[in-house]
Amino acid sequence: MDATMPNDSLTWQLQDAKNRLSALIDAVEDGHEQIITRHGVPVGVVVPYAIWQRWQAMRLGEAPSMYEALRVAAPLGGVPDLPPRSAVDTARIPDFG
């Protein structure tokens, strides 16, 4: 694996990816990005569908809250120490003007 590749990803040569598509998809379902190479050069990435949906929403200007982005991206179900947005103290900032 290339040093610039994410640690939780696996690199597949294109022919291996075609021959072992089920194994590649199993790894994606486990939450790991799969990088496809042709002659050793990265040419594509297979990512979990939930991550792709988040990227699409961000691209279309429908980005989730920062909490939601972190929750989706974090392993094992999210960031448990952040309160939901509705629970955050929304006290007014004093006007010193």
C-alpha atoms as a PDB file:
ATOM      1  CA  MET A   1       0.000   0.000   0.000  1.00  0.00           C
ATOM      2  CA  ASP A   2       1.225   3.493  -0.894  1.00  0.00           C
ATOM      3  CA  ALA A   3       2.213   5.744   2.021  1.00  0.00           C
ATOM      4  CA  THR A   4      -0.208   8.445   0.815  1.00  0.00           C
ATOM      5  CA  MET A   5      -3.183   6.075   0.946  1.00  0.00           C
ATOM      6  CA  PRO A   6      -5.497   6.153   3.996  1.00  0.00           C
ATOM      7  CA  ASN A   7      -4.629   3.549   6.644  1.00  0.00           C
ATOM      8  CA  ASP A   8      -8.073   1.932   6.592  1.00  0.00           C
ATOM      9  CA  SER A   9      -8.123   1.475   2.825  1.00  0.00           C
ATOM     10  CA  LEU A  10      -7.000  -1.431   0.722  1.00  0.00           C
ATOM     11  CA  THR A  11      -5.481  -1.107  -2.726  1.00  0.00           C
ATOM     12  CA  TRP A  12      -6.659  -3.418  -5.501  1.00  0.00           C
ATOM     13  CA  GLN A  13      -5.178  -3.830  -8.952  1.00  0.00           C
ATOM     14  CA  LEU A  14      -7.962  -3.418 -11.498  1.00  0.00           C
ATOM     15  CA  GLN A  15      -7.867  -7.061 -12.608  1.00  0.00           C
ATOM     16  CA  ASP A  16      -8.009  -8.292  -8.995  1.00  0.00           C
ATOM     17  CA  ALA A  17     -10.918  -5.954  -8.280  1.00  0.00           C
ATOM     18  CA  LYS A  18     -12.822  -7.351 -11.259  1.00  0.00           C
ATOM     19  CA  ASN A  19     -12.083 -10.941 -10.297  1.00  0.00           C
ATOM     20  CA  ARG A  20     -12.883 -10.462  -6.593  1.00  0.00           C
ATOM     21  CA  LEU A  21     -15.665  -7.869  -6.697  1.00  0.00           C
ATOM     22  CA  SER A  22     -17.622  -9.596  -3.915  1.00  0.00           C
ATOM     23  CA  ALA A  23     -14.636  -9.406  -1.550  1.00  0.00           C
ATOM     24  CA  LEU A  24     -14.077  -5.762  -2.467  1.00  0.00           C
ATOM     25  CA  ILE A  25     -17.736  -4.954  -1.720  1.00  0.00           C
ATOM     26  CA  ASP A  26     -17.546  -6.876   1.576  1.00  0.00           C
ATOM     27  CA  ALA A  27     -14.632  -4.647   2.627  1.00  0.00           C
ATOM     28  CA  VAL A  28     -16.593  -1.532   1.620  1.00  0.00           C
ATOM     29  CA  GLU A  29     -19.578  -2.731   3.682  1.00  0.00           C
ATOM     30  CA  ASP A  30     -17.200  -2.988   6.646  1.00  0.00           C
ATOM     31  CA  GLY A  31     -16.545   0.754   6.227  1.00  0.00           C
ATOM     32  CA  HIS A  32     -13.188   0.703   4.448  1.00  0.00           C
ATOM     33  CA  GLU A  33     -12.472   2.669   1.290  1.00  0.00           C
ATOM     34  CA  GLN A  34     -11.080   0.532  -1.507  1.00  0.00           C
ATOM     35  CA  ILE A  35      -8.623   2.090  -3.940  1.00  0.00           C
ATOM     36  CA  ILE A  36      -8.451   0.720  -7.474  1.00  0.00           C
ATOM     37  CA  THR A  37      -5.167   1.031  -9.378  1.00  0.00           C
ATOM     38  CA  ARG A  38      -4.180   0.456 -12.985  1.00  0.00           C
ATOM     39  CA  HIS A  39      -0.472  -0.315 -13.428  1.00  0.00           C
ATOM     40  CA  GLY A  40       0.141   0.900  -9.861  1.00  0.00           C
ATOM     41  CA  VAL A  41      -1.523   4.299 -10.385  1.00  0.00           C
ATOM     42  CA  PRO A  42      -4.694   5.061  -8.371  1.00  0.00           C
ATOM     43  CA  VAL A  43      -7.632   5.510 -10.765  1.00  0.00           C
ATOM     44  CA  GLY A  44     -10.708   5.129  -8.558  1.00  0.00           C
ATOM     45  CA  VAL A  45     -12.091   4.630  -5.073  1.00  0.00           C
ATOM     46  CA  VAL A  46     -15.040   2.561  -3.860  1.00  0.00           C
ATOM     47  CA  VAL A  47     -16.557   4.034  -0.703  1.00  0.00           C
ATOM     48  CA  PRO A  48     -19.490   3.080   1.538  1.00  0.00           C
ATOM     49  CA  TYR A  49     -22.805   4.356   0.178  1.00  0.00           C
ATOM     50  CA  ALA A  50     -23.527   6.506   3.267  1.00  0.00           C
ATOM     51  CA  ILE A  51     -20.296   8.426   2.737  1.00  0.00           C
ATOM     52  CA  TRP A  52     -21.073   8.916  -0.957  1.00  0.00           C
ATOM     53  CA  GLN A  53     -24.543  10.261  -0.062  1.00  0.00           C
ATOM     54  CA  ARG A  54     -22.969  12.754   2.353  1.00  0.00           C
ATOM     55  CA  TRP A  55     -20.527  13.907  -0.337  1.00  0.00           C
ATOM     56  CA  GLN A  56     -23.393  14.317  -2.798  1.00  0.00           C
ATOM     57  CA  ALA A  57     -25.387  16.400  -0.310  1.00  0.00           C
ATOM     58  CA  MET A  58     -22.348  18.584   0.329  1.00  0.00           C
ATOM     59  CA  ARG A  59     -21.767  18.982  -3.402  1.00  0.00           C
ATOM     60  CA  LEU A  60     -25.389  20.021  -3.903  1.00  0.00           C
ATOM     61  CA  GLY A  61     -25.264  22.551  -1.076  1.00  0.00           C
ATOM     62  CA  GLU A  62     -27.273  20.434   1.347  1.00  0.00           C
ATOM     63  CA  ALA A  63     -24.427  19.822   3.727  1.00  0.00           C
ATOM     64  CA  PRO A  64     -25.245  18.237   7.083  1.00  0.00           C
ATOM     65  CA  SER A  65     -24.412  19.938  10.349  1.00  0.00           C
ATOM     66  CA  MET A  66     -20.847  19.559  11.580  1.00  0.00           C
ATOM     67  CA  TYR A  67     -22.129  17.132  14.215  1.00  0.00           C
ATOM     68  CA  GLU A  68     -23.801  14.968  11.550  1.00  0.00           C
ATOM     69  CA  ALA A  69     -20.692  15.027   9.337  1.00  0.00           C
ATOM     70  CA  LEU A  70     -18.514  13.890  12.257  1.00  0.00           C
ATOM     71  CA  ARG A  71     -21.052  11.264  13.362  1.00  0.00           C
ATOM     72  CA  VAL A  72     -21.211   9.700   9.906  1.00  0.00           C
ATOM     73  CA  ALA A  73     -17.457   9.809   9.397  1.00  0.00           C
ATOM     74  CA  ALA A  74     -16.438   8.560  12.828  1.00  0.00           C
ATOM     75  CA  PRO A  75     -15.889   4.823  13.257  1.00  0.00           C
ATOM     76  CA  LEU A  76     -18.169   2.764  15.480  1.00  0.00           C
ATOM     77  CA  GLY A  77     -21.246   4.955  15.257  1.00  0.00           C
ATOM     78  CA  GLY A  78     -20.095   8.457  15.861  1.00  0.00           C
ATOM     79  CA  VAL A  79     -18.871  10.960  18.330  1.00  0.00           C
ATOM     80  CA  PRO A  80     -20.672  10.189  21.607  1.00  0.00           C
ATOM     81  CA  ASP A  81     -19.360  13.160  23.626  1.00  0.00           C
ATOM     82  CA  LEU A  82     -21.039  15.852  21.506  1.00  0.00           C
ATOM     83  CA  PRO A  83     -24.560  16.803  22.572  1.00  0.00           C
ATOM     84  CA  PRO A  84     -27.284  17.048  19.945  1.00  0.00           C
ATOM     85  CA  ARG A  85     -27.685  20.526  18.522  1.00  0.00           C
ATOM     86  CA  SER A  86     -30.972  21.101  20.419  1.00  0.00           C
ATOM     87  CA  ALA A  87     -29.238  20.466  23.768  1.00  0.00           C
ATOM     88  CA  VAL A  88     -26.550  23.134  23.302  1.00  0.00           C
ATOM     89  CA  ASP A  89     -26.881  26.238  25.504  1.00  0.00           C
ATOM     90  CA  THR A  90     -27.946  29.054  23.227  1.00  0.00           C
ATOM     91  CA  ALA A  91     -27.523  31.917  25.715  1.00  0.00           C
ATOM     92  CA  ARG A  92     -27.167  35.288  24.030  1.00  0.00           C
ATOM     93  CA  ILE A  93     -23.746  36.790  23.613  1.00  0.00           C
ATOM     94  CA  PRO A  94     -23.550  40.105  25.499  1.00  0.00           C
ATOM     95  CA  ASP A  95     -23.538  43.267  23.363  1.00  0.00           C
ATOM     96  CA  PHE A  96     -20.451  45.292  24.278  1.00  0.00           C
ATOM     97  CA  GLY A  97     -21.066  47.805  21.492  1.00  0.00           C
END
